[in-house]
């Protein structure tokens, strides 16, 4: 595990770009450090680490992700998301705690959105009996990112999306002044409008959404 992390770290350092790193840091409101790797460059560099023959077992992979998540450079968190994706089909019920930790640590849209609709989305499809329980838990929390997750985990569900659950998850957040909450509401409705435009039109028409949520929800329908 130590060699895995050290080798990755050395590779990222060798290919760093100080000027781009400063630009990336500024774009993310100076919340994270960067090596200055573009996404295509990072993906090229990390490719050998994600080969099936080189992947650690799930327990070790999760430990690696925790260690990388603690590092200051954002590239390590982005790599961790790609590594996590390799274990999506092996989720067990207790892994929801691990996903919650990642959502709540170093939180910003670039990691939270991937975790919400891709990882939590996959988890909740595998364990649908937990959807209501954790939706309610996250909505009642004071954590905006967990609340955003409650809205977004069904983002890619298409025909499998539970509209009753979506309504129950949006309702407690109506009236929020948080940009990321209102944007998420609009985003999930806009995405669902590709599958069921009539439902979205009716829901938007009868719900007191923020202007941002409403605009986002109807964006595809008004073209």
Foldseek 3Di string as FASTA:
>chain_A
DVCLVVVLVVLLQVPFDVVLQVVVCVVVVVLAGASNDDPVRLCVSCVVCQDPVNQDPPVVLLVLLVVLLPDRHCSSNVVNLVNVLVCLVVDDPVCVVSLVVSCPRSHDCVNLLSSQQPRVLSVCVVVVVCLVVQLVVQLPDPDPSSLLSNQRNCQPVQVNDDVVSNCVSLVSCAPPPDPSNLQSLLNSLLSNCVRVVVVSVVPLVVDRGDPNSSCSNCVVVVD
